[in-house]
Each structure stands twice: as C-alpha cells, then as structure tokens.
Amino acid sequence: MSAETATEAPTIDELRHEIDRLDAEILAAVKRRTEVSQAIGKARMASGGTRLVHSREMKVIERYSELGPDGKDLAMLLLRLGRGRLGH
C-alpha cells in the first residue's frame, strides 16, 4: 500500500461526517414524506374515499423489499408515520 493510496482514503471522521449529512437528508425526506402522505389521506377521506389504499401500500412495501426483510420493516414504519397506526 503506497502513501498515495493511504492519503486518498477517507478518514473515519470524514466518513462519519458523511453519515451525519446523509442522516439529516434522510430525516428531512421522511418528514416531508409523512406530511405528503397525511395530506393525501385527508384529501382521500374528504372526497369519500378510504383511509388507505391497500394496493398502494403493497407497492411501497414491495419497493422497500429491495433492502431485504429490514426493508419491509422500514416500509411499514414509513407507512405508519404517514397514516398512523391502524385500529387506533
């Protein structure tokens, strides 16, 4: 391993800074997704529709399943944030 290669590799602190930046972006996106989802639910119910659309939720779960079993769990959490817990 040459000295040039060692200086090109990001440091742990640099990588942690990138994770912190990504976390901030993810949190902002999740908050916005929640707002949009709640607005859709309110509009749907105001027009006489149902609280949720099962086929749409299944598409979201399928999309996140790309990440494996934890992806499905993540999708379920995002859906719950947007509509609240069912049955409550």
C-alpha atoms as a PDB file:
ATOM      1  CA  MET A   1       0.000   0.000   0.000  1.00  0.00           C
ATOM      2  CA  SER A   2       1.579   3.254  -1.074  1.00  0.00           C
ATOM      3  CA  ALA A   3       1.488   6.521   0.862  1.00  0.00           C
ATOM      4  CA  GLU A   4      -0.568   7.980  -2.003  1.00  0.00           C
ATOM      5  CA  THR A   5      -3.301   5.361  -1.540  1.00  0.00           C
ATOM      6  CA  ALA A   6      -3.398   5.942   2.225  1.00  0.00           C
ATOM      7  CA  THR A   7      -3.918   9.696   1.805  1.00  0.00           C
ATOM      8  CA  GLU A   8      -6.709   9.180  -0.735  1.00  0.00           C
ATOM      9  CA  ALA A   9      -8.820   7.009   1.553  1.00  0.00           C
ATOM     10  CA  PRO A  10     -11.347   8.972   3.595  1.00  0.00           C
ATOM     11  CA  THR A  11     -10.745   9.086   7.323  1.00  0.00           C
ATOM     12  CA  ILE A  12     -13.203   7.676   9.829  1.00  0.00           C
ATOM     13  CA  ASP A  13     -14.127  11.231  10.832  1.00  0.00           C
ATOM     14  CA  GLU A  14     -14.817  12.149   7.200  1.00  0.00           C
ATOM     15  CA  LEU A  15     -16.978   9.065   6.752  1.00  0.00           C
ATOM     16  CA  ARG A  16     -18.867   9.820   9.965  1.00  0.00           C
ATOM     17  CA  HIS A  17     -19.444  13.369   8.763  1.00  0.00           C
ATOM     18  CA  GLU A  18     -20.889  11.955   5.545  1.00  0.00           C
ATOM     19  CA  ILE A  19     -23.182   9.656   7.540  1.00  0.00           C
ATOM     20  CA  ASP A  20     -24.335  12.632   9.627  1.00  0.00           C
ATOM     21  CA  ARG A  21     -25.087  14.573   6.442  1.00  0.00           C
ATOM     22  CA  LEU A  22     -26.953  11.611   4.949  1.00  0.00           C
ATOM     23  CA  ASP A  23     -28.933  11.150   8.178  1.00  0.00           C
ATOM     24  CA  ALA A  24     -30.015  14.802   8.030  1.00  0.00           C
ATOM     25  CA  GLU A  25     -31.156  14.327   4.420  1.00  0.00           C
ATOM     26  CA  ILE A  26     -33.000  11.111   5.291  1.00  0.00           C
ATOM     27  CA  LEU A  27     -34.767  12.735   8.254  1.00  0.00           C
ATOM     28  CA  ALA A  28     -35.843  15.689   6.130  1.00  0.00           C
ATOM     29  CA  ALA A  29     -37.126  13.341   3.419  1.00  0.00           C
ATOM     30  CA  VAL A  30     -39.022  11.179   5.939  1.00  0.00           C
ATOM     31  CA  LYS A  31     -40.632  14.256   7.495  1.00  0.00           C
ATOM     32  CA  ARG A  32     -41.685  15.523   4.072  1.00  0.00           C
ATOM     33  CA  ARG A  33     -42.935  12.063   3.050  1.00  0.00           C
ATOM     34  CA  THR A  34     -45.030  11.936   6.226  1.00  0.00           C
ATOM     35  CA  GLU A  35     -46.547  15.362   5.506  1.00  0.00           C
ATOM     36  CA  VAL A  36     -47.408  14.410   1.927  1.00  0.00           C
ATOM     37  CA  SER A  37     -48.863  11.061   2.969  1.00  0.00           C
ATOM     38  CA  GLN A  38     -51.052  12.690   5.620  1.00  0.00           C
ATOM     39  CA  ALA A  39     -52.258  15.288   3.106  1.00  0.00           C
ATOM     40  CA  ILE A  40     -53.180  12.525   0.654  1.00  0.00           C
ATOM     41  CA  GLY A  41     -55.080  10.644   3.366  1.00  0.00           C
ATOM     42  CA  LYS A  42     -57.034  13.751   4.376  1.00  0.00           C
ATOM     43  CA  ALA A  43     -57.889  14.571   0.762  1.00  0.00           C
ATOM     44  CA  ARG A  44     -58.935  10.991   0.073  1.00  0.00           C
ATOM     45  CA  MET A  45     -61.201  10.837   3.126  1.00  0.00           C
ATOM     46  CA  ALA A  46     -62.673  14.301   2.428  1.00  0.00           C
ATOM     47  CA  SER A  47     -63.728  13.071  -1.000  1.00  0.00           C
ATOM     48  CA  GLY A  48     -65.411   9.996   0.477  1.00  0.00           C
ATOM     49  CA  GLY A  49     -62.544   7.604  -0.092  1.00  0.00           C
ATOM     50  CA  THR A  50     -60.977   5.143   2.291  1.00  0.00           C
ATOM     51  CA  ARG A  51     -58.288   5.958   4.830  1.00  0.00           C
ATOM     52  CA  LEU A  52     -55.762   3.856   2.950  1.00  0.00           C
ATOM     53  CA  VAL A  53     -55.371   2.066  -0.341  1.00  0.00           C
ATOM     54  CA  HIS A  54     -54.089  -1.458   0.264  1.00  0.00           C
ATOM     55  CA  SER A  55     -52.703  -1.918  -3.262  1.00  0.00           C
ATOM     56  CA  ARG A  56     -50.706   1.308  -2.938  1.00  0.00           C
ATOM     57  CA  GLU A  57     -49.278   0.262   0.420  1.00  0.00           C
ATOM     58  CA  MET A  58     -48.300  -3.117  -1.020  1.00  0.00           C
ATOM     59  CA  LYS A  59     -46.383  -1.346  -3.814  1.00  0.00           C
ATOM     60  CA  VAL A  60     -44.481   0.687  -1.221  1.00  0.00           C
ATOM     61  CA  ILE A  61     -43.631  -2.464   0.748  1.00  0.00           C
ATOM     62  CA  GLU A  62     -42.534  -4.206  -2.449  1.00  0.00           C
ATOM     63  CA  ARG A  63     -40.276  -1.270  -3.360  1.00  0.00           C
ATOM     64  CA  TYR A  64     -38.549  -1.310   0.027  1.00  0.00           C
ATOM     65  CA  SER A  65     -38.229  -5.108  -0.033  1.00  0.00           C
ATOM     66  CA  GLU A  66     -35.242  -4.463  -2.300  1.00  0.00           C
ATOM     67  CA  LEU A  67     -33.413  -3.892   1.006  1.00  0.00           C
ATOM     68  CA  GLY A  68     -34.371  -7.345   2.314  1.00  0.00           C
ATOM     69  CA  PRO A  69     -36.500  -8.161   5.373  1.00  0.00           C
ATOM     70  CA  ASP A  70     -35.457  -4.956   7.131  1.00  0.00           C
ATOM     71  CA  GLY A  71     -36.604  -3.027   4.063  1.00  0.00           C
ATOM     72  CA  LYS A  72     -40.115  -4.371   4.573  1.00  0.00           C
ATOM     73  CA  ASP A  73     -39.982  -3.244   8.202  1.00  0.00           C
ATOM     74  CA  LEU A  74     -38.765   0.182   7.105  1.00  0.00           C
ATOM     75  CA  ALA A  75     -41.654   0.460   4.642  1.00  0.00           C
ATOM     76  CA  MET A  76     -44.134  -0.460   7.361  1.00  0.00           C
ATOM     77  CA  LEU A  77     -42.702   2.223   9.649  1.00  0.00           C
ATOM     78  CA  LEU A  78     -42.873   4.848   6.911  1.00  0.00           C
ATOM     79  CA  LEU A  79     -46.462   3.900   6.133  1.00  0.00           C
ATOM     80  CA  ARG A  80     -47.377   4.088   9.817  1.00  0.00           C
ATOM     81  CA  LEU A  81     -45.785   7.530  10.125  1.00  0.00           C
ATOM     82  CA  GLY A  82     -47.887   8.745   7.229  1.00  0.00           C
ATOM     83  CA  ARG A  83     -51.238   7.341   8.286  1.00  0.00           C
ATOM     84  CA  GLY A  84     -50.918   6.458  11.959  1.00  0.00           C
ATOM     85  CA  ARG A  85     -51.457   3.019  13.453  1.00  0.00           C
ATOM     86  CA  LEU A  86     -54.437   1.143  12.121  1.00  0.00           C
ATOM     87  CA  GLY A  87     -57.209   0.347  14.565  1.00  0.00           C
ATOM     88  CA  HIS A  88     -56.360   3.248  16.893  1.00  0.00           C
END
